[in-house]
C-alpha cells in the first residue's frame, strides 16, 4: 500500500481505501472520521549533544508521508499495531536486527 500524501482531495484510509471526511464540529460535540499519522522513512544520524560532547544517535526524517486511518479500521488491533510500527520505525529495525518480529 502506498500511504497518502495529505492532499485533502485524495485522503483515503490507508487500510481499506475508503474516502475519509474532515472532523465535523457542532455546538455540542464533534464527529471524527479518521486519524492521521505523520511518519516516513528515516536514517540514523550521529551528533554531539551537551557540553561534554556526548555522541547520540537520532533518526532523521528523509521522506515524510501521512497515513490516514478511518475510525472503522482504527478499532482493529492489527491496524493499531501497524500504525505503531509506522510511527516507531526504530522498533521495527531493532526487531529485524535481533531476528525477531514485533
N, C-alpha and C. Protein backbone atom coordinates (compact mmCIF):
# COMPACT_ATOMS: atom_id res chain seq x y z
N UNK A 1 0.83 -1.19 0.00
CA UNK A 1 0.00 0.00 0.00
C UNK A 1 0.87 1.25 0.00
N UNK A 2 0.47 2.23 -0.74
CA UNK A 2 1.20 3.49 -0.77
C UNK A 2 0.43 4.48 0.09
N UNK A 3 1.09 5.02 1.15
CA UNK A 3 0.42 5.97 2.02
C UNK A 3 0.02 7.24 1.29
N UNK A 4 -1.02 7.91 1.80
CA UNK A 4 -1.46 9.18 1.23
C UNK A 4 -0.45 10.27 1.48
N UNK A 5 -0.59 11.33 0.78
CA UNK A 5 0.36 12.43 0.92
C UNK A 5 -0.29 13.68 1.51
N UNK A 6 -1.47 13.55 2.08
CA UNK A 6 -2.08 14.67 2.76
C UNK A 6 -2.94 15.57 1.91
N UNK A 7 -3.07 15.30 0.64
CA UNK A 7 -3.91 16.11 -0.23
C UNK A 7 -5.36 15.92 0.19
N UNK A 8 -6.05 17.00 0.56
CA UNK A 8 -7.43 16.90 1.04
C UNK A 8 -8.35 16.22 0.03
N UNK A 9 -8.07 16.35 -1.24
CA UNK A 9 -8.93 15.75 -2.25
C UNK A 9 -8.69 14.26 -2.40
N UNK A 10 -7.58 13.75 -1.86
CA UNK A 10 -7.27 12.34 -2.05
C UNK A 10 -7.06 11.60 -0.73
N UNK A 11 -7.67 12.10 0.34
CA UNK A 11 -7.47 11.42 1.63
C UNK A 11 -8.32 10.16 1.67
N UNK A 12 -7.64 9.04 1.69
CA UNK A 12 -8.29 7.74 1.77
C UNK A 12 -7.67 6.96 2.93
N UNK A 13 -8.43 6.07 3.50
CA UNK A 13 -7.92 5.20 4.55
C UNK A 13 -6.80 4.34 3.95
N UNK A 14 -5.69 4.31 4.62
CA UNK A 14 -4.52 3.54 4.20
C UNK A 14 -4.81 2.03 4.23
N UNK A 15 -5.78 1.63 5.01
CA UNK A 15 -6.04 0.21 5.26
C UNK A 15 -7.17 -0.35 4.39
N UNK A 16 -8.29 0.37 4.27
CA UNK A 16 -9.43 -0.15 3.50
C UNK A 16 -9.68 0.65 2.22
N UNK A 17 -9.11 1.84 2.11
CA UNK A 17 -9.23 2.63 0.89
C UNK A 17 -10.42 3.58 0.82
N UNK A 18 -11.29 3.56 1.83
CA UNK A 18 -12.45 4.45 1.73
C UNK A 18 -12.05 5.90 1.95
N UNK A 19 -12.79 6.82 1.33
CA UNK A 19 -12.55 8.25 1.48
C UNK A 19 -12.85 8.64 2.92
N UNK A 20 -11.96 9.42 3.53
CA UNK A 20 -12.20 9.90 4.89
C UNK A 20 -12.59 11.37 4.85
N UNK A 21 -13.47 11.74 5.76
CA UNK A 21 -14.02 13.10 5.80
C UNK A 21 -13.41 13.88 6.96
N UNK A 22 -13.46 15.22 6.84
CA UNK A 22 -12.99 16.09 7.90
C UNK A 22 -13.81 15.90 9.16
N UNK A 23 -13.23 16.29 10.29
CA UNK A 23 -13.95 16.28 11.56
C UNK A 23 -15.07 17.31 11.49
N UNK A 24 -16.24 16.93 11.97
CA UNK A 24 -17.40 17.82 11.98
C UNK A 24 -17.61 18.32 13.41
N UNK A 25 -17.61 19.64 13.56
CA UNK A 25 -17.81 20.25 14.87
C UNK A 25 -19.22 20.84 14.95
N UNK A 26 -19.88 20.62 16.08
CA UNK A 26 -21.19 21.23 16.33
C UNK A 26 -21.11 21.97 17.66
N UNK A 27 -22.21 22.58 18.07
CA UNK A 27 -22.23 23.27 19.35
C UNK A 27 -22.04 22.33 20.53
N UNK A 28 -22.49 21.11 20.36
CA UNK A 28 -22.48 20.18 21.48
C UNK A 28 -21.43 19.07 21.37
N UNK A 29 -20.69 19.01 20.31
CA UNK A 29 -19.70 17.94 20.18
C UNK A 29 -19.01 17.95 18.84
N UNK A 30 -18.47 16.81 18.49
CA UNK A 30 -17.77 16.67 17.21
C UNK A 30 -17.79 15.21 16.78
N UNK A 31 -17.56 14.97 15.48
CA UNK A 31 -17.51 13.62 14.95
C UNK A 31 -16.22 13.48 14.15
N UNK A 32 -15.40 12.54 14.56
CA UNK A 32 -14.12 12.27 13.91
C UNK A 32 -14.32 11.11 12.94
N UNK A 33 -13.80 11.24 11.72
CA UNK A 33 -13.92 10.17 10.73
C UNK A 33 -12.59 9.48 10.46
N UNK A 34 -11.47 10.09 10.88
CA UNK A 34 -10.17 9.47 10.62
C UNK A 34 -9.14 9.95 11.64
N UNK A 35 -8.05 9.21 11.69
CA UNK A 35 -6.89 9.58 12.49
C UNK A 35 -5.71 9.69 11.54
N UNK A 36 -4.95 10.75 11.69
CA UNK A 36 -3.79 10.96 10.83
C UNK A 36 -2.51 10.62 11.57
N UNK A 37 -1.56 10.09 10.84
CA UNK A 37 -0.25 9.74 11.40
C UNK A 37 0.82 10.33 10.50
N UNK A 38 1.67 11.17 11.06
CA UNK A 38 2.79 11.75 10.33
C UNK A 38 3.98 10.82 10.55
N UNK A 39 4.50 10.26 9.49
CA UNK A 39 5.60 9.30 9.59
C UNK A 39 6.47 9.41 8.35
N UNK A 40 7.32 8.45 8.12
CA UNK A 40 8.14 8.46 6.92
C UNK A 40 9.38 7.61 7.08
N UNK A 41 10.21 7.63 6.05
CA UNK A 41 11.46 6.89 6.07
C UNK A 41 12.48 7.71 6.85
N UNK A 42 13.28 7.01 7.66
CA UNK A 42 14.27 7.67 8.50
C UNK A 42 15.63 7.04 8.29
N UNK A 43 16.66 7.78 8.72
CA UNK A 43 18.01 7.23 8.73
C UNK A 43 18.67 7.68 10.03
N UNK A 44 19.50 6.80 10.63
CA UNK A 44 20.18 7.18 11.87
C UNK A 44 21.30 8.19 11.58
N UNK A 45 21.43 9.16 12.47
CA UNK A 45 22.45 10.19 12.34
C UNK A 45 23.11 10.36 13.70
N UNK A 46 24.44 10.40 13.72
CA UNK A 46 25.20 10.64 14.95
C UNK A 46 25.42 12.14 15.11
N UNK A 47 25.24 12.63 16.34
CA UNK A 47 25.51 14.04 16.59
C UNK A 47 26.02 14.23 18.01
N UNK A 48 26.68 15.35 18.23
CA UNK A 48 27.20 15.69 19.55
C UNK A 48 26.10 16.38 20.34
N UNK A 49 26.02 16.04 21.63
CA UNK A 49 24.96 16.59 22.46
C UNK A 49 25.55 17.05 23.79
N UNK A 50 25.13 18.21 24.21
CA UNK A 50 25.51 18.72 25.52
C UNK A 50 26.92 19.31 25.55
N UNK A 51 27.26 19.82 26.74
CA UNK A 51 28.56 20.47 26.93
C UNK A 51 29.72 19.49 26.85
N UNK A 52 29.48 18.25 27.22
CA UNK A 52 30.56 17.26 27.24
C UNK A 52 30.73 16.56 25.89
N UNK A 53 29.92 16.90 24.92
CA UNK A 53 30.06 16.35 23.58
C UNK A 53 29.67 14.89 23.46
N UNK A 54 28.74 14.47 24.30
CA UNK A 54 28.27 13.08 24.23
C UNK A 54 27.68 12.82 22.84
N UNK A 55 28.05 11.68 22.25
CA UNK A 55 27.53 11.31 20.94
C UNK A 55 26.21 10.58 21.11
N UNK A 56 25.19 11.07 20.43
CA UNK A 56 23.88 10.41 20.47
C UNK A 56 23.47 10.09 19.03
N UNK A 57 22.58 9.15 18.91
CA UNK A 57 22.04 8.79 17.61
C UNK A 57 20.59 9.24 17.55
N UNK A 58 20.27 9.99 16.52
CA UNK A 58 18.89 10.43 16.30
C UNK A 58 18.42 9.85 14.97
N UNK A 59 17.14 9.90 14.74
CA UNK A 59 16.58 9.45 13.47
C UNK A 59 16.14 10.67 12.68
N UNK A 60 16.75 10.86 11.53
CA UNK A 60 16.42 11.98 10.66
C UNK A 60 15.36 11.53 9.65
N UNK A 61 14.31 12.31 9.54
CA UNK A 61 13.23 12.03 8.60
C UNK A 61 13.70 12.41 7.21
N UNK A 62 13.76 11.42 6.31
CA UNK A 62 14.26 11.72 4.96
C UNK A 62 13.15 11.74 3.91
N UNK A 63 12.02 11.07 4.19
CA UNK A 63 10.91 11.10 3.25
C UNK A 63 9.61 11.03 4.06
N UNK A 64 9.03 12.19 4.37
CA UNK A 64 7.81 12.19 5.19
C UNK A 64 6.57 11.82 4.39
N UNK A 65 5.60 11.21 5.05
CA UNK A 65 4.28 10.99 4.48
C UNK A 65 3.26 10.84 5.59
N UNK A 66 2.01 10.94 5.22
CA UNK A 66 0.92 10.82 6.17
C UNK A 66 0.15 9.54 5.90
N UNK A 67 -0.29 8.92 6.98
CA UNK A 67 -1.13 7.73 6.89
C UNK A 67 -2.46 8.09 7.53
N UNK A 68 -3.54 7.89 6.79
CA UNK A 68 -4.88 8.15 7.31
C UNK A 68 -5.55 6.82 7.60
N UNK A 69 -6.20 6.76 8.75
CA UNK A 69 -6.91 5.55 9.17
C UNK A 69 -8.34 5.94 9.53
N UNK A 70 -9.31 5.31 8.85
CA UNK A 70 -10.72 5.62 9.17
C UNK A 70 -11.05 5.05 10.55
N UNK A 71 -12.10 5.57 11.17
CA UNK A 71 -12.46 5.14 12.52
C UNK A 71 -12.81 3.65 12.56
N UNK A 72 -13.36 3.10 11.49
CA UNK A 72 -13.71 1.68 11.46
C UNK A 72 -12.45 0.81 11.52
N UNK A 73 -11.46 1.14 10.72
CA UNK A 73 -10.22 0.36 10.71
C UNK A 73 -9.43 0.56 12.00
N UNK A 74 -9.49 1.77 12.56
CA UNK A 74 -8.72 2.08 13.77
C UNK A 74 -9.13 1.18 14.94
N UNK A 75 -10.34 0.69 14.93
CA UNK A 75 -10.83 -0.18 16.01
C UNK A 75 -10.19 -1.56 15.97
N UNK A 76 -9.53 -1.92 14.89
CA UNK A 76 -8.94 -3.25 14.73
C UNK A 76 -7.53 -3.28 15.33
N UNK A 77 -7.25 -4.31 16.11
CA UNK A 77 -5.96 -4.43 16.80
C UNK A 77 -4.79 -4.50 15.82
N UNK A 78 -4.93 -5.22 14.71
CA UNK A 78 -3.83 -5.34 13.75
C UNK A 78 -3.52 -4.00 13.08
N UNK A 79 -4.53 -3.17 12.89
CA UNK A 79 -4.32 -1.84 12.31
C UNK A 79 -3.57 -0.97 13.31
N UNK A 80 -3.93 -1.04 14.58
CA UNK A 80 -3.22 -0.26 15.59
C UNK A 80 -1.77 -0.70 15.70
N UNK A 81 -1.50 -1.99 15.58
CA UNK A 81 -0.12 -2.48 15.59
C UNK A 81 0.66 -1.97 14.38
N UNK A 82 0.02 -1.96 13.21
CA UNK A 82 0.69 -1.44 12.01
C UNK A 82 1.01 0.04 12.17
N UNK A 83 0.07 0.80 12.71
CA UNK A 83 0.30 2.23 12.93
C UNK A 83 1.47 2.44 13.90
N UNK A 84 1.55 1.61 14.93
CA UNK A 84 2.66 1.73 15.88
C UNK A 84 3.99 1.45 15.19
N UNK A 85 4.02 0.44 14.32
CA UNK A 85 5.26 0.14 13.57
C UNK A 85 5.63 1.31 12.65
N UNK A 86 4.64 1.93 12.02
CA UNK A 86 4.91 3.07 11.14
C UNK A 86 5.38 4.28 11.94
N UNK A 87 4.83 4.44 13.15
CA UNK A 87 5.18 5.60 13.98
C UNK A 87 6.56 5.44 14.62
N UNK A 88 6.94 4.21 14.91
CA UNK A 88 8.22 3.94 15.57
C UNK A 88 9.06 2.97 14.73
N UNK A 89 9.58 3.44 13.60
CA UNK A 89 10.34 2.54 12.72
C UNK A 89 11.59 1.99 13.38
N UNK A 90 12.12 2.71 14.38
CA UNK A 90 13.32 2.22 15.05
C UNK A 90 13.06 0.89 15.77
N UNK A 91 11.83 0.68 16.25
CA UNK A 91 11.49 -0.59 16.90
C UNK A 91 11.47 -1.72 15.87
N UNK A 92 10.98 -1.44 14.69
CA UNK A 92 10.94 -2.44 13.63
C UNK A 92 12.36 -2.81 13.20
N UNK A 93 13.23 -1.83 13.06
CA UNK A 93 14.62 -2.08 12.67
C UNK A 93 15.35 -2.87 13.74
N UNK A 94 15.11 -2.55 15.01
CA UNK A 94 15.76 -3.26 16.11
C UNK A 94 15.30 -4.72 16.15
N UNK A 95 14.01 -4.95 15.91
CA UNK A 95 13.49 -6.31 15.90
C UNK A 95 14.08 -7.11 14.73
N UNK A 96 14.22 -6.47 13.57
CA UNK A 96 14.81 -7.13 12.41
C UNK A 96 16.28 -7.48 12.68
N UNK A 97 17.00 -6.59 13.33
CA UNK A 97 18.40 -6.83 13.63
C UNK A 97 18.56 -7.97 14.64
N UNK A 98 17.58 -8.11 15.54
CA UNK A 98 17.63 -9.15 16.55
C UNK A 98 17.09 -10.48 16.02
N UNK A 99 16.52 -10.45 14.80
CA UNK A 99 15.99 -11.66 14.20
C UNK A 99 14.61 -12.03 14.68
N UNK A 100 13.91 -11.05 15.24
CA UNK A 100 12.54 -11.28 15.71
C UNK A 100 11.63 -10.28 15.04
N UNK A 101 10.35 -10.56 15.08
CA UNK A 101 9.37 -9.64 14.54
C UNK A 101 8.54 -9.12 15.69
N UNK A 102 8.14 -7.87 15.63
CA UNK A 102 7.35 -7.27 16.69
C UNK A 102 5.90 -7.49 16.45
